[in-house]
Amino acid sequence: MKNIVEVETRALAERKDLAAARAMSQAVRARVQAARAAHKPSVDFIATSNWYDDNPGFDSHSSSVMGVLSLDLYAGGRHQGEIAAALAEEREAQWRAQSQEQAVRHDVREAWETLRATKARHATAAGNAERARENVRLVKQRYGQGRTILIDLLQAERAYTDARGEELVARVGLEVGQAALQLAEGTLPLPAEATP
């Protein structure tokens, strides 16, 4: 079985909700850059060359070069406000991504601990079922030899049935725990993907 660090690393790489939060953070970062770029001066250059006659010559040629500088001299603080709002949105998106990452780590650790406890419970229940089965065998042997009564055999079989039931419940818990860990890890196949 993988260790918790490997599972946590995989979950941080595979979880779709975390990837979405990170992508949103990057998109907001791009908005900050766009807000900053929108308020910088812009410079445009235009160059043209025209010929007015089929015979090339200097007297039928016209060339021009132009440059345009656009600068907003006064915006009443609107530029700084837009940049500040974009920066605040970027911080919020980063905090959401960090919060989502912590939630993923928590989900993985909780599922890991639950699975570990469920494995121990299943091992105990399987051991109890095996001991109860052996006890039934011994009681049957004694009953066959006439050294015990029928009620003892029935009680042993009842104890075996109960122990087997507990082992089956623990096995279901183990399956659920493994699915919960896969869900926390982001690798649980969807029902449509699981069927061939």
N, C-alpha and C. Protein backbone atom coordinates (compact mmCIF):
# COMPACT_ATOMS: atom_id res chain seq x y z
N MET A 1 0.84 -1.19 0.00
CA MET A 1 0.00 0.00 0.00
C MET A 1 0.88 1.24 0.00
N LYS A 2 0.41 2.26 -0.67
CA LYS A 2 1.15 3.51 -0.75
C LYS A 2 1.15 4.20 0.60
N ASN A 3 2.14 5.05 0.82
CA ASN A 3 2.13 5.80 2.07
C ASN A 3 1.33 7.09 1.90
N ILE A 4 1.07 7.76 2.99
CA ILE A 4 0.17 8.91 2.96
C ILE A 4 0.76 10.08 2.18
N VAL A 5 2.08 10.20 2.16
CA VAL A 5 2.71 11.30 1.41
C VAL A 5 2.46 11.11 -0.09
N GLU A 6 2.59 9.88 -0.57
CA GLU A 6 2.32 9.61 -1.99
C GLU A 6 0.87 9.89 -2.34
N VAL A 7 -0.03 9.46 -1.47
CA VAL A 7 -1.46 9.67 -1.71
C VAL A 7 -1.78 11.16 -1.71
N GLU A 8 -1.21 11.89 -0.76
CA GLU A 8 -1.45 13.33 -0.68
C GLU A 8 -0.91 14.05 -1.91
N THR A 9 0.28 13.66 -2.35
CA THR A 9 0.88 14.27 -3.54
C THR A 9 0.02 13.99 -4.77
N ARG A 10 -0.45 12.77 -4.88
CA ARG A 10 -1.30 12.44 -6.03
C ARG A 10 -2.61 13.20 -5.98
N ALA A 11 -3.18 13.34 -4.79
CA ALA A 11 -4.44 14.07 -4.65
C ALA A 11 -4.25 15.53 -5.05
N LEU A 12 -3.12 16.13 -4.66
CA LEU A 12 -2.87 17.52 -5.02
C LEU A 12 -2.70 17.68 -6.53
N ALA A 13 -2.29 16.61 -7.20
CA ALA A 13 -2.11 16.67 -8.65
C ALA A 13 -3.38 16.27 -9.41
N GLU A 14 -4.21 15.40 -8.83
CA GLU A 14 -5.33 14.81 -9.57
C GLU A 14 -6.68 15.45 -9.30
N ARG A 15 -6.87 16.07 -8.15
CA ARG A 15 -8.20 16.56 -7.80
C ARG A 15 -8.64 17.67 -8.74
N LYS A 16 -9.80 17.50 -9.34
CA LYS A 16 -10.32 18.46 -10.31
C LYS A 16 -10.74 19.77 -9.65
N ASP A 17 -11.30 19.69 -8.43
CA ASP A 17 -11.73 20.91 -7.76
C ASP A 17 -10.54 21.80 -7.41
N LEU A 18 -9.43 21.19 -7.03
CA LEU A 18 -8.22 21.96 -6.74
C LEU A 18 -7.63 22.54 -8.01
N ALA A 19 -7.65 21.77 -9.09
CA ALA A 19 -7.15 22.29 -10.37
C ALA A 19 -7.99 23.47 -10.84
N ALA A 20 -9.30 23.41 -10.61
CA ALA A 20 -10.18 24.52 -10.98
C ALA A 20 -9.86 25.76 -10.15
N ALA A 21 -9.62 25.59 -8.86
CA ALA A 21 -9.29 26.74 -8.01
C ALA A 21 -7.96 27.36 -8.43
N ARG A 22 -6.99 26.51 -8.79
CA ARG A 22 -5.71 27.04 -9.26
C ARG A 22 -5.85 27.76 -10.59
N ALA A 23 -6.66 27.22 -11.49
CA ALA A 23 -6.88 27.87 -12.78
C ALA A 23 -7.58 29.21 -12.60
N MET A 24 -8.52 29.27 -11.66
CA MET A 24 -9.20 30.53 -11.38
C MET A 24 -8.22 31.56 -10.84
N SER A 25 -7.30 31.13 -10.00
CA SER A 25 -6.29 32.03 -9.46
C SER A 25 -5.40 32.58 -10.58
N GLN A 26 -5.03 31.73 -11.52
CA GLN A 26 -4.21 32.19 -12.65
C GLN A 26 -4.98 33.15 -13.54
N ALA A 27 -6.26 32.89 -13.73
CA ALA A 27 -7.08 33.79 -14.56
C ALA A 27 -7.20 35.16 -13.92
N VAL A 28 -7.35 35.19 -12.61
CA VAL A 28 -7.44 36.47 -11.92
C VAL A 28 -6.10 37.20 -11.98
N ARG A 29 -5.00 36.46 -11.90
CA ARG A 29 -3.67 37.06 -12.03
C ARG A 29 -3.53 37.73 -13.40
N ALA A 30 -4.07 37.11 -14.43
CA ALA A 30 -4.04 37.69 -15.77
C ALA A 30 -4.88 38.97 -15.82
N ARG A 31 -5.98 39.01 -15.05
CA ARG A 31 -6.79 40.23 -15.01
C ARG A 31 -6.02 41.38 -14.38
N VAL A 32 -5.21 41.09 -13.40
CA VAL A 32 -4.38 42.14 -12.77
C VAL A 32 -3.41 42.70 -13.80
N GLN A 33 -2.77 41.82 -14.54
CA GLN A 33 -1.84 42.27 -15.57
C GLN A 33 -2.56 43.09 -16.64
N ALA A 34 -3.76 42.67 -16.99
CA ALA A 34 -4.53 43.41 -17.99
C ALA A 34 -4.93 44.78 -17.45
N ALA A 35 -5.30 44.85 -16.17
CA ALA A 35 -5.67 46.14 -15.58
C ALA A 35 -4.48 47.09 -15.54
N ARG A 36 -3.32 46.56 -15.26
CA ARG A 36 -2.11 47.40 -15.26
C ARG A 36 -1.77 47.86 -16.68
N ALA A 37 -1.87 46.94 -17.63
CA ALA A 37 -1.51 47.27 -19.01
C ALA A 37 -2.50 48.25 -19.63
N ALA A 38 -3.75 48.22 -19.22
CA ALA A 38 -4.76 49.09 -19.82
C ALA A 38 -4.50 50.56 -19.53
N HIS A 39 -3.73 50.85 -18.51
CA HIS A 39 -3.52 52.25 -18.12
C HIS A 39 -2.13 52.75 -18.42
N LYS A 40 -1.39 52.00 -19.18
CA LYS A 40 -0.06 52.45 -19.60
C LYS A 40 -0.22 53.22 -20.90
N PRO A 41 0.72 54.10 -21.17
CA PRO A 41 0.65 54.82 -22.45
C PRO A 41 0.78 53.85 -23.61
N SER A 42 0.11 54.17 -24.71
CA SER A 42 0.23 53.33 -25.89
C SER A 42 0.87 54.15 -27.01
N VAL A 43 1.72 53.50 -27.76
CA VAL A 43 2.43 54.14 -28.86
C VAL A 43 2.11 53.35 -30.12
N ASP A 44 1.67 54.05 -31.17
CA ASP A 44 1.37 53.42 -32.45
C ASP A 44 2.21 54.08 -33.53
N PHE A 45 2.76 53.28 -34.42
CA PHE A 45 3.52 53.78 -35.56
C PHE A 45 2.85 53.31 -36.84
N ILE A 46 2.82 54.20 -37.82
CA ILE A 46 2.26 53.88 -39.13
C ILE A 46 3.25 54.34 -40.18
N ALA A 47 3.58 53.49 -41.14
CA ALA A 47 4.46 53.84 -42.25
C ALA A 47 3.77 53.46 -43.54
N THR A 48 3.74 54.36 -44.51
CA THR A 48 3.13 54.08 -45.81
C THR A 48 4.06 54.49 -46.93
N SER A 49 3.91 53.82 -48.03
CA SER A 49 4.66 54.14 -49.24
C SER A 49 3.73 53.93 -50.42
N ASN A 50 3.58 54.94 -51.27
CA ASN A 50 2.67 54.88 -52.41
C ASN A 50 3.40 55.27 -53.69
N TRP A 51 3.07 54.61 -54.77
CA TRP A 51 3.56 54.93 -56.11
C TRP A 51 2.37 55.39 -56.92
N TYR A 52 2.51 56.53 -57.58
CA TYR A 52 1.39 57.09 -58.33
C TYR A 52 1.52 56.89 -59.84
N ASP A 53 2.55 56.22 -60.28
CA ASP A 53 2.76 56.04 -61.72
C ASP A 53 3.28 54.63 -61.95
N ASP A 54 3.03 54.10 -63.16
CA ASP A 54 3.52 52.77 -63.49
C ASP A 54 5.03 52.75 -63.65
N ASN A 55 5.63 53.86 -64.00
CA ASN A 55 7.08 53.96 -64.14
C ASN A 55 7.65 54.48 -62.83
N PRO A 56 8.42 53.65 -62.16
CA PRO A 56 8.96 54.12 -60.88
C PRO A 56 9.92 55.30 -61.07
N GLY A 57 9.76 56.23 -60.21
CA GLY A 57 10.63 57.40 -60.21
C GLY A 57 10.38 58.17 -58.93
N PHE A 58 11.31 59.10 -58.63
CA PHE A 58 11.16 59.82 -57.37
C PHE A 58 10.04 60.85 -57.42
N ASP A 59 9.64 61.26 -58.61
CA ASP A 59 8.60 62.28 -58.67
C ASP A 59 7.20 61.69 -58.53
N SER A 60 7.03 60.36 -58.65
CA SER A 60 5.71 59.74 -58.50
C SER A 60 5.62 58.87 -57.23
N HIS A 61 6.41 59.19 -56.26
CA HIS A 61 6.48 58.38 -55.05
C HIS A 61 6.15 59.24 -53.84
N SER A 62 5.37 58.65 -52.91
CA SER A 62 5.03 59.36 -51.69
C SER A 62 5.23 58.41 -50.51
N SER A 63 5.93 58.85 -49.49
CA SER A 63 6.16 58.06 -48.28
C SER A 63 5.81 58.90 -47.07
N SER A 64 5.31 58.23 -46.05
CA SER A 64 5.02 58.95 -44.81
C SER A 64 5.21 58.01 -43.62
N VAL A 65 5.64 58.58 -42.52
CA VAL A 65 5.80 57.87 -41.27
C VAL A 65 5.10 58.70 -40.21
N MET A 66 4.25 58.04 -39.40
CA MET A 66 3.53 58.75 -38.36
C MET A 66 3.66 57.99 -37.04
N GLY A 67 3.60 58.70 -35.98
CA GLY A 67 3.61 58.11 -34.66
C GLY A 67 2.53 58.74 -33.80
N VAL A 68 1.85 57.95 -33.01
CA VAL A 68 0.78 58.44 -32.14
C VAL A 68 1.06 57.94 -30.73
N LEU A 69 1.04 58.84 -29.77
CA LEU A 69 1.21 58.50 -28.36
C LEU A 69 -0.08 58.83 -27.66
N SER A 70 -0.68 57.82 -27.00
CA SER A 70 -1.92 58.03 -26.25
C SER A 70 -1.62 57.90 -24.77
N LEU A 71 -2.02 58.90 -24.02
CA LEU A 71 -1.77 58.90 -22.58
C LEU A 71 -2.94 59.58 -21.91
N ASP A 72 -3.52 58.89 -20.93
CA ASP A 72 -4.63 59.46 -20.16
C ASP A 72 -4.02 60.25 -19.02
N LEU A 73 -4.12 61.57 -19.09
CA LEU A 73 -3.45 62.42 -18.10
C LEU A 73 -4.20 62.47 -16.77
N TYR A 74 -5.49 62.40 -16.79
CA TYR A 74 -6.23 62.45 -15.54
C TYR A 74 -7.43 61.52 -15.62
N ALA A 75 -7.51 60.58 -14.68
CA ALA A 75 -8.63 59.63 -14.66
C ALA A 75 -9.37 59.68 -13.33
N GLY A 76 -9.01 60.56 -12.46
CA GLY A 76 -9.71 60.69 -11.19
C GLY A 76 -9.51 59.51 -10.25
N GLY A 77 -8.39 58.80 -10.37
CA GLY A 77 -8.11 57.66 -9.50
C GLY A 77 -8.75 56.36 -9.96
N ARG A 78 -9.40 56.41 -11.11
CA ARG A 78 -10.08 55.22 -11.62
C ARG A 78 -9.07 54.11 -11.91
N HIS A 79 -7.91 54.46 -12.47
CA HIS A 79 -6.90 53.45 -12.80
C HIS A 79 -6.43 52.71 -11.56
N GLN A 80 -6.06 53.48 -10.55
CA GLN A 80 -5.57 52.85 -9.32
C GLN A 80 -6.66 52.01 -8.65
N GLY A 81 -7.90 52.48 -8.73
CA GLY A 81 -9.02 51.72 -8.16
C GLY A 81 -9.24 50.40 -8.86
N GLU A 82 -9.13 50.42 -10.19
CA GLU A 82 -9.30 49.17 -10.95
C GLU A 82 -8.17 48.19 -10.65
N ILE A 83 -6.95 48.71 -10.54
CA ILE A 83 -5.82 47.84 -10.22
C ILE A 83 -5.96 47.29 -8.81
N ALA A 84 -6.35 48.13 -7.86
CA ALA A 84 -6.53 47.68 -6.48
C ALA A 84 -7.63 46.62 -6.39
N ALA A 85 -8.72 46.81 -7.13
CA ALA A 85 -9.80 45.81 -7.13
C ALA A 85 -9.33 44.50 -7.72
N ALA A 86 -8.54 44.57 -8.79
CA ALA A 86 -8.01 43.35 -9.40
C ALA A 86 -7.04 42.64 -8.46
N LEU A 87 -6.22 43.41 -7.74
CA LEU A 87 -5.28 42.81 -6.78
C LEU A 87 -6.04 42.14 -5.63
N ALA A 88 -7.10 42.78 -5.15
CA ALA A 88 -7.90 42.19 -4.08
C ALA A 88 -8.55 40.89 -4.57
N GLU A 89 -9.02 40.89 -5.79
CA GLU A 89 -9.61 39.68 -6.36
C GLU A 89 -8.56 38.58 -6.51
N GLU A 90 -7.33 38.97 -6.86
CA GLU A 90 -6.25 38.00 -6.98
C GLU A 90 -5.92 37.37 -5.62
N ARG A 91 -5.84 38.19 -4.57
CA ARG A 91 -5.57 37.67 -3.23
C ARG A 91 -6.68 36.71 -2.79
N GLU A 92 -7.93 37.09 -3.08
CA GLU A 92 -9.05 36.23 -2.71
C GLU A 92 -8.96 34.88 -3.44
N ALA A 93 -8.63 34.91 -4.72
CA ALA A 93 -8.52 33.67 -5.48
C ALA A 93 -7.36 32.81 -4.96
N GLN A 94 -6.26 33.44 -4.57
CA GLN A 94 -5.14 32.69 -4.00
C GLN A 94 -5.54 32.05 -2.68
N TRP A 95 -6.26 32.78 -1.85
CA TRP A 95 -6.71 32.23 -0.56
C TRP A 95 -7.68 31.08 -0.78
N ARG A 96 -8.54 31.19 -1.78
CA ARG A 96 -9.46 30.09 -2.07
C ARG A 96 -8.69 28.86 -2.53
N ALA A 97 -7.69 29.05 -3.37
CA ALA A 97 -6.88 27.92 -3.84
C ALA A 97 -6.14 27.28 -2.67
N GLN A 98 -5.57 28.11 -1.78
CA GLN A 98 -4.88 27.56 -0.60
C GLN A 98 -5.85 26.84 0.32
N SER A 99 -7.05 27.40 0.48
CA SER A 99 -8.06 26.76 1.31
C SER A 99 -8.48 25.42 0.71
N GLN A 100 -8.64 25.39 -0.60
CA GLN A 100 -9.00 24.14 -1.27
C GLN A 100 -7.89 23.11 -1.12
N GLU A 101 -6.64 23.55 -1.20
CA GLU A 101 -5.51 22.63 -1.02
C GLU A 101 -5.50 22.05 0.38
N GLN A 102 -5.76 22.89 1.38
CA GLN A 102 -5.82 22.39 2.76
C GLN A 102 -6.99 21.42 2.94
N ALA A 103 -8.11 21.70 2.27
CA ALA A 103 -9.26 20.79 2.36
C ALA A 103 -8.92 19.44 1.73
N VAL A 104 -8.18 19.46 0.63
CA VAL A 104 -7.78 18.20 -0.02
C VAL A 104 -6.86 17.42 0.92
N ARG A 105 -5.88 18.10 1.51
CA ARG A 105 -4.98 17.43 2.45
C ARG A 105 -5.77 16.82 3.62
N HIS A 106 -6.74 17.58 4.14
CA HIS A 106 -7.55 17.09 5.25
C HIS A 106 -8.37 15.87 4.83
N ASP A 107 -8.99 15.94 3.65
CA ASP A 107 -9.79 14.81 3.16
C ASP A 107 -8.93 13.55 3.03
N VAL A 108 -7.73 13.71 2.49
CA VAL A 108 -6.84 12.56 2.30
C VAL A 108 -6.44 11.97 3.65
N ARG A 109 -6.06 12.82 4.59
CA ARG A 109 -5.63 12.31 5.90
C ARG A 109 -6.78 11.64 6.64
N GLU A 110 -7.96 12.23 6.55
CA GLU A 110 -9.12 11.64 7.23
C GLU A 110 -9.47 10.29 6.61
N ALA A 111 -9.49 10.22 5.28
CA ALA A 111 -9.79 8.96 4.61
C ALA A 111 -8.71 7.92 4.90
N TRP A 112 -7.45 8.36 4.97
CA TRP A 112 -6.33 7.45 5.26
C TRP A 112 -6.50 6.84 6.65
N GLU A 113 -6.79 7.68 7.64
CA GLU A 113 -6.94 7.20 9.01
C GLU A 113 -8.17 6.28 9.14
N THR A 114 -9.24 6.64 8.47
CA THR A 114 -10.44 5.80 8.49
C THR A 114 -10.15 4.44 7.88
N LEU A 115 -9.44 4.42 6.77
CA LEU A 115 -9.09 3.16 6.12
C LEU A 115 -8.17 2.33 7.01
N ARG A 116 -7.22 2.98 7.66
CA ARG A 116 -6.31 2.26 8.55
C ARG A 116 -7.09 1.61 9.70
N ALA A 117 -8.01 2.35 10.30
CA ALA A 117 -8.83 1.80 11.39
C ALA A 117 -9.73 0.68 10.88
N THR A 118 -10.27 0.85 9.68
CA THR A 118 -11.14 -0.18 9.11
C THR A 118 -10.37 -1.45 8.81
N LYS A 119 -9.13 -1.32 8.35
CA LYS A 119 -8.30 -2.50 8.10
C LYS A 119 -8.05 -3.26 9.40
N ALA A 120 -7.76 -2.52 10.47
CA ALA A 120 -7.53 -3.18 11.76
C ALA A 120 -8.81 -3.87 12.25
N ARG A 121 -9.95 -3.21 12.07
CA ARG A 121 -11.22 -3.81 12.48
C ARG A 121 -11.51 -5.07 11.66
N HIS A 122 -11.22 -5.02 10.36
CA HIS A 122 -11.46 -6.19 9.51
C HIS A 122 -10.53 -7.34 9.91
N ALA A 123 -9.27 -7.02 10.21
CA ALA A 123 -8.34 -8.08 10.62
C ALA A 123 -8.81 -8.74 11.91
N THR A 124 -9.29 -7.93 12.85
CA THR A 124 -9.80 -8.48 14.12
C THR A 124 -11.03 -9.34 13.87
N ALA A 125 -11.96 -8.83 13.06
CA ALA A 125 -13.19 -9.59 12.78
C ALA A 125 -12.88 -10.89 12.04
N ALA A 126 -11.93 -10.85 11.09
CA ALA A 126 -11.56 -12.07 10.37
C ALA A 126 -10.93 -13.08 11.33
N GLY A 127 -10.11 -12.61 12.25
CA GLY A 127 -9.52 -13.51 13.26
C GLY A 127 -10.58 -14.11 14.15
N ASN A 128 -11.54 -13.29 14.58
CA ASN A 128 -12.64 -13.79 15.41
C ASN A 128 -13.47 -14.83 14.67
N ALA A 129 -13.73 -14.59 13.39
CA ALA A 129 -14.51 -15.55 12.60
C ALA A 129 -13.75 -16.86 12.46
N GLU A 130 -12.46 -16.79 12.26
CA GLU A 130 -11.65 -18.01 12.13
C GLU A 130 -11.65 -18.80 13.44
N ARG A 131 -11.51 -18.09 14.57
CA ARG A 131 -11.53 -18.77 15.87
C ARG A 131 -12.91 -19.39 16.15
N ALA A 132 -13.98 -18.67 15.76
CA ALA A 132 -15.33 -19.21 15.96
C ALA A 132 -15.56 -20.45 15.09
N ARG A 133 -15.03 -20.43 13.87
CA ARG A 133 -15.14 -21.59 12.98
C ARG A 133 -14.42 -22.80 13.59
N GLU A 134 -13.24 -22.56 14.14
CA GLU A 134 -12.47 -23.63 14.78
C GLU A 134 -13.21 -24.15 16.02
N ASN A 135 -13.84 -23.23 16.75
CA ASN A 135 -14.60 -23.63 17.93
C ASN A 135 -15.77 -24.52 17.53
N VAL A 136 -16.46 -24.19 16.42
CA VAL A 136 -17.56 -25.03 15.95
C VAL A 136 -17.04 -26.42 15.61
N ARG A 137 -15.91 -26.49 14.97
CA ARG A 137 -15.33 -27.79 14.61
C ARG A 137 -15.06 -28.63 15.86
N LEU A 138 -14.48 -27.98 16.89
CA LEU A 138 -14.17 -28.72 18.13
C LEU A 138 -15.44 -29.15 18.85
N VAL A 139 -16.45 -28.27 18.90
CA VAL A 139 -17.69 -28.61 19.60
C VAL A 139 -18.41 -29.74 18.85
N LYS A 140 -18.38 -29.69 17.51
CA LYS A 140 -18.97 -30.78 16.73
C LYS A 140 -18.28 -32.11 17.03
N GLN A 141 -16.96 -32.02 17.14
CA GLN A 141 -16.20 -33.24 17.44
C GLN A 141 -16.60 -33.79 18.81
N ARG A 142 -16.69 -32.91 19.81
CA ARG A 142 -17.08 -33.35 21.15
C ARG A 142 -18.51 -33.86 21.16
N TYR A 143 -19.39 -33.17 20.39
CA TYR A 143 -20.79 -33.61 20.32
C TYR A 143 -20.88 -35.00 19.69
N GLY A 144 -20.08 -35.22 18.68
CA GLY A 144 -20.06 -36.53 18.03
C GLY A 144 -19.57 -37.62 18.97
N GLN A 145 -18.73 -37.26 19.93
CA GLN A 145 -18.21 -38.23 20.88
C GLN A 145 -19.12 -38.36 22.10
N GLY A 146 -20.16 -37.49 22.13
CA GLY A 146 -21.11 -37.55 23.25
C GLY A 146 -20.61 -36.82 24.48
N ARG A 147 -19.65 -35.94 24.37
CA ARG A 147 -19.11 -35.24 25.54
C ARG A 147 -19.77 -33.89 25.77
N THR A 148 -20.68 -33.47 24.90
CA THR A 148 -21.38 -32.20 25.10
C THR A 148 -22.81 -32.35 24.59
N ILE A 149 -23.63 -31.34 24.87
CA ILE A 149 -25.04 -31.41 24.47
C ILE A 149 -25.27 -30.55 23.23
N LEU A 150 -26.44 -30.72 22.63
CA LEU A 150 -26.78 -30.04 21.38
C LEU A 150 -26.79 -28.52 21.54
N ILE A 151 -27.22 -28.03 22.68
CA ILE A 151 -27.29 -26.57 22.88
C ILE A 151 -25.90 -25.93 22.77
N ASP A 152 -24.87 -26.63 23.21
CA ASP A 152 -23.50 -26.10 23.09
C ASP A 152 -23.10 -25.99 21.62
N LEU A 153 -23.48 -26.97 20.84
CA LEU A 153 -23.18 -26.92 19.40
C LEU A 153 -23.94 -25.78 18.73
N LEU A 154 -25.19 -25.61 19.09
CA LEU A 154 -25.99 -24.52 18.51
C LEU A 154 -25.43 -23.16 18.91
N GLN A 155 -24.99 -23.02 20.15
CA GLN A 155 -24.40 -21.75 20.59
C GLN A 155 -23.09 -21.48 19.86
N ALA A 156 -22.29 -22.50 19.63
CA ALA A 156 -21.03 -22.32 18.90
C ALA A 156 -21.30 -21.91 17.46
N GLU A 157 -22.33 -22.55 16.85
CA GLU A 157 -22.67 -22.18 15.48
C GLU A 157 -23.24 -20.77 15.42
N ARG A 158 -24.00 -20.39 16.43
CA ARG A 158 -24.54 -19.02 16.49
C ARG A 158 -23.40 -18.02 16.65
N ALA A 159 -22.43 -18.32 17.47
CA ALA A 159 -21.27 -17.42 17.65
C ALA A 159 -20.49 -17.29 16.34
N TYR A 160 -20.37 -18.42 15.61
CA TYR A 160 -19.67 -18.38 14.31
C TYR A 160 -20.45 -17.53 13.31
N THR A 161 -21.77 -17.68 13.30
CA THR A 161 -22.60 -16.89 12.38
C THR A 161 -22.47 -15.39 12.70
N ASP A 162 -22.48 -15.06 13.98
CA ASP A 162 -22.32 -13.64 14.37
C ASP A 162 -20.94 -13.11 13.99
N ALA A 163 -19.91 -13.91 14.24
CA ALA A 163 -18.55 -13.48 13.91
C ALA A 163 -18.39 -13.33 12.40
N ARG A 164 -18.98 -14.24 11.65
CA ARG A 164 -18.92 -14.15 10.18
C ARG A 164 -19.65 -12.89 9.69
N GLY A 165 -20.79 -12.58 10.31
CA GLY A 165 -21.53 -11.36 9.97
C GLY A 165 -20.71 -10.10 10.25
N GLU A 166 -20.04 -10.09 11.40
CA GLU A 166 -19.18 -8.95 11.73
C GLU A 166 -18.02 -8.82 10.75
N GLU A 167 -17.48 -9.97 10.32
CA GLU A 167 -16.39 -9.93 9.35
C GLU A 167 -16.87 -9.38 8.01
N LEU A 168 -18.08 -9.76 7.59
CA LEU A 168 -18.63 -9.24 6.34
C LEU A 168 -18.91 -7.74 6.42
N VAL A 169 -19.43 -7.29 7.55
CA VAL A 169 -19.65 -5.85 7.75
C VAL A 169 -18.32 -5.10 7.72
N ALA A 170 -17.32 -5.67 8.34
CA ALA A 170 -15.99 -5.04 8.32
C ALA A 170 -15.41 -5.03 6.91
N ARG A 171 -15.68 -6.06 6.14
CA ARG A 171 -15.19 -6.10 4.75
C ARG A 171 -15.87 -5.02 3.91
N VAL A 172 -17.17 -4.83 4.12
CA VAL A 172 -17.89 -3.75 3.42
C VAL A 172 -17.31 -2.40 3.84
N GLY A 173 -17.04 -2.25 5.13
CA GLY A 173 -16.42 -1.01 5.61
C GLY A 173 -15.06 -0.78 4.98
N LEU A 174 -14.33 -1.86 4.77
CA LEU A 174 -13.02 -1.77 4.12
C LEU A 174 -13.16 -1.29 2.67
N GLU A 175 -14.13 -1.85 1.96
CA GLU A 175 -14.38 -1.41 0.57
C GLU A 175 -14.79 0.05 0.53
N VAL A 176 -15.66 0.45 1.46
CA VAL A 176 -16.09 1.85 1.51
C VAL A 176 -14.91 2.76 1.85
N GLY A 177 -14.06 2.32 2.76
CA GLY A 177 -12.88 3.11 3.13
C GLY A 177 -11.92 3.27 1.96
N GLN A 178 -11.74 2.21 1.18
CA GLN A 178 -10.86 2.30 0.01
C GLN A 178 -11.46 3.24 -1.03
N ALA A 179 -12.78 3.18 -1.22
CA ALA A 179 -13.43 4.10 -2.16
C ALA A 179 -13.34 5.54 -1.67
N ALA A 180 -13.47 5.74 -0.35
CA ALA A 180 -13.37 7.10 0.20
C ALA A 180 -11.95 7.65 0.00
N LEU A 181 -10.95 6.81 0.13
CA LEU A 181 -9.57 7.25 -0.10
C LEU A 181 -9.37 7.57 -1.58
N GLN A 182 -9.91 6.77 -2.47
CA GLN A 182 -9.81 7.07 -3.90
C GLN A 182 -10.53 8.37 -4.23
N LEU A 183 -11.67 8.61 -3.59
CA LEU A 183 -12.41 9.85 -3.81
C LEU A 183 -11.59 11.04 -3.32
N ALA A 184 -11.00 10.93 -2.14
CA ALA A 184 -10.17 12.01 -1.62
C ALA A 184 -8.94 12.23 -2.48
N GLU A 185 -8.44 11.15 -3.07
CA GLU A 185 -7.25 11.22 -3.91
C GLU A 185 -7.59 11.76 -5.30
N GLY A 186 -8.86 11.67 -5.68
CA GLY A 186 -9.26 12.13 -7.00
C GLY A 186 -9.12 11.08 -8.07
N THR A 187 -9.03 9.80 -7.67
CA THR A 187 -8.85 8.72 -8.63
C THR A 187 -10.02 7.74 -8.66
N LEU A 188 -11.11 8.06 -7.99
CA LEU A 188 -12.27 7.17 -7.97
C LEU A 188 -12.92 7.19 -9.35
N PRO A 189 -13.03 6.03 -10.01
CA PRO A 189 -13.66 6.04 -11.34
C PRO A 189 -15.16 6.31 -11.23
N LEU A 190 -15.66 7.04 -12.18
CA LEU A 190 -17.10 7.30 -12.22
C LEU A 190 -17.82 6.03 -12.62
N PRO A 191 -19.10 5.89 -12.25
CA PRO A 191 -19.83 4.66 -12.60
C PRO A 191 -19.82 4.36 -14.09
N ALA A 192 -19.89 5.38 -14.94
CA ALA A 192 -19.85 5.16 -16.38
C ALA A 192 -18.48 4.64 -16.82
N GLU A 193 -17.41 5.06 -16.12
CA GLU A 193 -16.07 4.61 -16.45
C GLU A 193 -15.80 3.21 -15.92
N ALA A 194 -16.48 2.81 -14.84
CA ALA A 194 -16.20 1.53 -14.20
C ALA A 194 -16.80 0.36 -14.98
N THR A 195 -17.91 0.59 -15.68
CA THR A 195 -18.53 -0.50 -16.42
C THR A 195 -17.93 -0.59 -17.82
N PRO A 196 -17.69 -1.84 -18.29
CA PRO A 196 -17.11 -1.97 -19.63
C PRO A 196 -18.12 -1.72 -20.72
